[in-house]
Amino acid sequence: MSPTTQSLADAASADGPAQQHATTRQLELIMGLLDQVVGGLMGGGAGASSPMGGVLSSLLGGGGQMGGSTGQMLGGAGGIGGLVSQFEQAGLGHVAQSWVGNSPNQPVSPQQLQSVFGENQVQGMASQAGMAPQDFLSQLSQHLPNAVHGMTPDGEVPNQETSI
């Protein structure tokens, strides 16, 4: 188990050993799924340890290598719930909700992502990922819907105790 997964499991499971084991296992499964999804971003195998993977992990509520700084850039709104909220504020809540729900994922364009995050956040995340902003937005638009969908298999935004 990674240190990030262990610390999240410890923080999320104050109800005793049985609850801690269930929470730890759930976090391991979620982190494994995230690694698979993020691995696709960089041509396979890179997982959340890659710069782009760290940004995506942070957007979805994981610690990642850069979780704190991306979370701060996004105004402290954390996890999938915070991400959905940002889409709602930009008038694109229906797009993000399609990723959470069990219906087909609606696509999101790089321009829509720019409007959700704003120029400063995009610049910061692209810089962390080591990419040009337009390349970053293009990659993010391709992979964010599937990553969110994969993190919400029951069609619901996870609460803070079970988010990664």
Foldseek 3Di string as FASTA:
>chain_A
DDPQLLVLLVVLDPPDDVSSVVLSVLSVVLQVLLQQLVLVLVPHDCGLQALLSQLLCLQQAGCGPCNVVLCVLLVVQGHLVSLLVLCVVLVNNVQSLCLLAPHDHDFDALVSVCSSRPDVSLVVSCVSNVHDSNVSSHSCRVRVSPSNNSNRVVSDGDDSSRGD
